[in-house]
C-alpha atoms as a PDB file:
ATOM      1  CA  UNK A   1      -0.213 -34.527 -13.913  1.00  0.00           C
ATOM      2  CA  UNK A   2      -3.352 -32.428 -13.690  1.00  0.00           C
ATOM      3  CA  UNK A   3      -3.240 -28.908 -15.083  1.00  0.00           C
ATOM      4  CA  UNK A   4      -4.048 -27.466 -11.661  1.00  0.00           C
ATOM      5  CA  UNK A   5      -1.189 -29.120  -9.751  1.00  0.00           C
ATOM      6  CA  UNK A   6       2.161 -27.647  -8.787  1.00  0.00           C
ATOM      7  CA  UNK A   7       4.825 -30.274  -9.461  1.00  0.00           C
ATOM      8  CA  UNK A   8       8.606 -30.234  -9.107  1.00  0.00           C
ATOM      9  CA  UNK A   9      11.384 -32.737  -9.645  1.00  0.00           C
ATOM     10  CA  UNK A  10      13.440 -30.979  -6.950  1.00  0.00           C
ATOM     11  CA  UNK A  11      11.823 -32.614  -3.877  1.00  0.00           C
ATOM     12  CA  UNK A  12      13.477 -31.452  -0.643  1.00  0.00           C
ATOM     13  CA  UNK A  13      14.453 -27.806  -0.952  1.00  0.00           C
ATOM     14  CA  UNK A  14      11.603 -26.909  -3.317  1.00  0.00           C
ATOM     15  CA  UNK A  15       9.122 -24.209  -2.351  1.00  0.00           C
ATOM     16  CA  UNK A  16       5.881 -22.626  -3.461  1.00  0.00           C
ATOM     17  CA  UNK A  17       4.648 -19.263  -2.251  1.00  0.00           C
ATOM     18  CA  UNK A  18       1.577 -17.071  -2.156  1.00  0.00           C
ATOM     19  CA  UNK A  19       2.216 -13.340  -2.413  1.00  0.00           C
ATOM     20  CA  UNK A  20      -0.606 -11.157  -1.129  1.00  0.00           C
ATOM     21  CA  UNK A  21      -1.109  -7.546  -2.303  1.00  0.00           C
ATOM     22  CA  UNK A  22      -0.879  -6.415   1.352  1.00  0.00           C
ATOM     23  CA  UNK A  23       0.272  -7.985   4.606  1.00  0.00           C
ATOM     24  CA  UNK A  24      -2.272 -10.330   6.191  1.00  0.00           C
ATOM     25  CA  UNK A  25      -2.251 -12.410   9.348  1.00  0.00           C
ATOM     26  CA  UNK A  26      -3.218 -16.049   8.887  1.00  0.00           C
ATOM     27  CA  UNK A  27      -4.788 -18.459  11.354  1.00  0.00           C
ATOM     28  CA  UNK A  28      -5.215 -21.585   9.224  1.00  0.00           C
ATOM     29  CA  UNK A  29      -3.955 -23.222   6.034  1.00  0.00           C
ATOM     30  CA  UNK A  30      -5.413 -25.951   3.830  1.00  0.00           C
ATOM     31  CA  UNK A  31      -3.095 -28.223   1.841  1.00  0.00           C
ATOM     32  CA  UNK A  32      -3.713 -31.145  -0.478  1.00  0.00           C
ATOM     33  CA  UNK A  33      -1.098 -33.341  -2.096  1.00  0.00           C
ATOM     34  CA  UNK A  34      -1.246 -34.565  -5.663  1.00  0.00           C
ATOM     35  CA  UNK A  35      -4.563 -36.045  -6.817  1.00  0.00           C
ATOM     36  CA  UNK A  36      -2.810 -39.343  -7.588  1.00  0.00           C
ATOM     37  CA  UNK A  37      -2.025 -39.808  -3.872  1.00  0.00           C
ATOM     38  CA  UNK A  38       1.598 -40.529  -4.742  1.00  0.00           C
ATOM     39  CA  UNK A  39       4.775 -38.435  -5.040  1.00  0.00           C
ATOM     40  CA  UNK A  40       3.856 -36.837  -1.735  1.00  0.00           C
ATOM     41  CA  UNK A  41       5.477 -34.208   0.448  1.00  0.00           C
ATOM     42  CA  UNK A  42       6.290 -35.939   3.743  1.00  0.00           C
ATOM     43  CA  UNK A  43       7.807 -33.091   5.769  1.00  0.00           C
ATOM     44  CA  UNK A  44       7.261 -29.371   5.288  1.00  0.00           C
ATOM     45  CA  UNK A  45       6.941 -25.952   6.872  1.00  0.00           C
ATOM     46  CA  UNK A  46       5.131 -22.687   6.248  1.00  0.00           C
ATOM     47  CA  UNK A  47       7.095 -19.460   6.585  1.00  0.00           C
ATOM     48  CA  UNK A  48       6.085 -15.821   6.300  1.00  0.00           C
ATOM     49  CA  UNK A  49       7.950 -12.723   5.103  1.00  0.00           C
ATOM     50  CA  UNK A  50       7.369  -9.076   4.318  1.00  0.00           C
ATOM     51  CA  UNK A  51      10.101  -9.097   1.690  1.00  0.00           C
ATOM     52  CA  UNK A  52      13.136  -9.894   3.826  1.00  0.00           C
ATOM     53  CA  UNK A  53      13.998 -12.954   5.897  1.00  0.00           C
ATOM     54  CA  UNK A  54      11.379 -15.675   6.364  1.00  0.00           C
ATOM     55  CA  UNK A  55       9.941 -16.615   9.776  1.00  0.00           C
ATOM     56  CA  UNK A  56       8.844 -20.245  10.206  1.00  0.00           C
ATOM     57  CA  UNK A  57       5.224 -20.369  11.398  1.00  0.00           C
ATOM     58  CA  UNK A  58       4.475 -24.111  11.394  1.00  0.00           C
ATOM     59  CA  UNK A  59       6.551 -27.250  10.845  1.00  0.00           C
ATOM     60  CA  UNK A  60       4.975 -30.641  10.165  1.00  0.00           C
ATOM     61  CA  UNK A  61       5.793 -34.238   9.284  1.00  0.00           C
ATOM     62  CA  UNK A  62       2.198 -34.862   8.214  1.00  0.00           C
ATOM     63  CA  UNK A  63       2.269 -36.408   4.742  1.00  0.00           C
ATOM     64  CA  UNK A  64       0.232 -34.425   2.219  1.00  0.00           C
ATOM     65  CA  UNK A  65      -1.989 -36.984   0.495  1.00  0.00           C
ATOM     66  CA  UNK A  66      -4.886 -36.736  -1.935  1.00  0.00           C
ATOM     67  CA  UNK A  67      -7.318 -35.463   0.725  1.00  0.00           C
ATOM     68  CA  UNK A  68      -7.264 -31.788   1.787  1.00  0.00           C
ATOM     69  CA  UNK A  69      -6.021 -31.235   5.326  1.00  0.00           C
ATOM     70  CA  UNK A  70      -6.272 -28.131   7.506  1.00  0.00           C
ATOM     71  CA  UNK A  71      -3.618 -26.936   9.939  1.00  0.00           C
ATOM     72  CA  UNK A  72      -3.859 -24.194  12.563  1.00  0.00           C
ATOM     73  CA  UNK A  73      -1.274 -21.434  12.338  1.00  0.00           C
ATOM     74  CA  UNK A  74      -0.712 -19.001  15.174  1.00  0.00           C
ATOM     75  CA  UNK A  75       0.929 -16.180  13.221  1.00  0.00           C
ATOM     76  CA  UNK A  76       1.800 -13.400  15.640  1.00  0.00           C
ATOM     77  CA  UNK A  77       2.479 -10.972  12.784  1.00  0.00           C
ATOM     78  CA  UNK A  78       1.101 -10.155   9.363  1.00  0.00           C
ATOM     79  CA  UNK A  79       3.130 -11.079   6.269  1.00  0.00           C
ATOM     80  CA  UNK A  80       2.685 -10.432   2.562  1.00  0.00           C
ATOM     81  CA  UNK A  81       4.417 -13.652   1.457  1.00  0.00           C
ATOM     82  CA  UNK A  82       3.600 -17.158   2.690  1.00  0.00           C
ATOM     83  CA  UNK A  83       5.888 -19.961   1.543  1.00  0.00           C
ATOM     84  CA  UNK A  84       5.458 -23.734   1.652  1.00  0.00           C
ATOM     85  CA  UNK A  85       8.957 -25.214   2.017  1.00  0.00           C
ATOM     86  CA  UNK A  86       9.458 -28.890   1.171  1.00  0.00           C
ATOM     87  CA  UNK A  87      11.725 -30.518   3.788  1.00  0.00           C
ATOM     88  CA  UNK A  88      11.306 -34.148   2.649  1.00  0.00           C
ATOM     89  CA  UNK A  89       9.336 -35.832  -0.128  1.00  0.00           C
ATOM     90  CA  UNK A  90       8.851 -38.997  -2.101  1.00  0.00           C
ATOM     91  CA  UNK A  91      11.065 -39.128  -5.213  1.00  0.00           C
ATOM     92  CA  UNK A  92      10.358 -37.835  -8.720  1.00  0.00           C
ATOM     93  CA  UNK A  93       7.463 -35.446  -9.327  1.00  0.00           C
ATOM     94  CA  UNK A  94       6.543 -34.203  -5.862  1.00  0.00           C
ATOM     95  CA  UNK A  95       3.728 -31.695  -5.700  1.00  0.00           C
ATOM     96  CA  UNK A  96       0.477 -30.326  -4.325  1.00  0.00           C
ATOM     97  CA  UNK A  97      -2.904 -29.552  -5.803  1.00  0.00           C
ATOM     98  CA  UNK A  98      -4.222 -27.090  -3.181  1.00  0.00           C
ATOM     99  CA  UNK A  99      -2.569 -24.375  -1.052  1.00  0.00           C
ATOM    100  CA  UNK A 100      -4.961 -21.994   0.707  1.00  0.00           C
ATOM    101  CA  UNK A 101      -4.430 -19.477   3.489  1.00  0.00           C
ATOM    102  CA  UNK A 102      -7.141 -18.191   5.830  1.00  0.00           C
ATOM    103  CA  UNK A 103      -6.714 -14.642   7.069  1.00  0.00           C
ATOM    104  CA  UNK A 104      -7.920 -12.855  10.161  1.00  0.00           C
ATOM    105  CA  UNK A 105      -8.551  -9.163  10.615  1.00  0.00           C
ATOM    106  CA  UNK A 106      -5.609  -7.323  12.112  1.00  0.00           C
END
């Protein structure tokens, strides 16, 4: 495992979130799986919240491999928390090495 990777043994049901100091509206995300190219997330979603319930913004079955991938997000609202939820993954130490959000002016 690289020091800059987020890794979990939980697999499906695991999550990782970015909490912003203020609510922002996003239009794109960039994700990259583990540098090894194995132990990949195979199904996932991104959800947003302002501290209460989460709203799903994008759902995908695109496997997150060792190359960064960008995904468009049409967030109708601004949120202060953006969460990557793992829906399905390869066994053992599933993880990612890059999770970036792109904001737009509100």
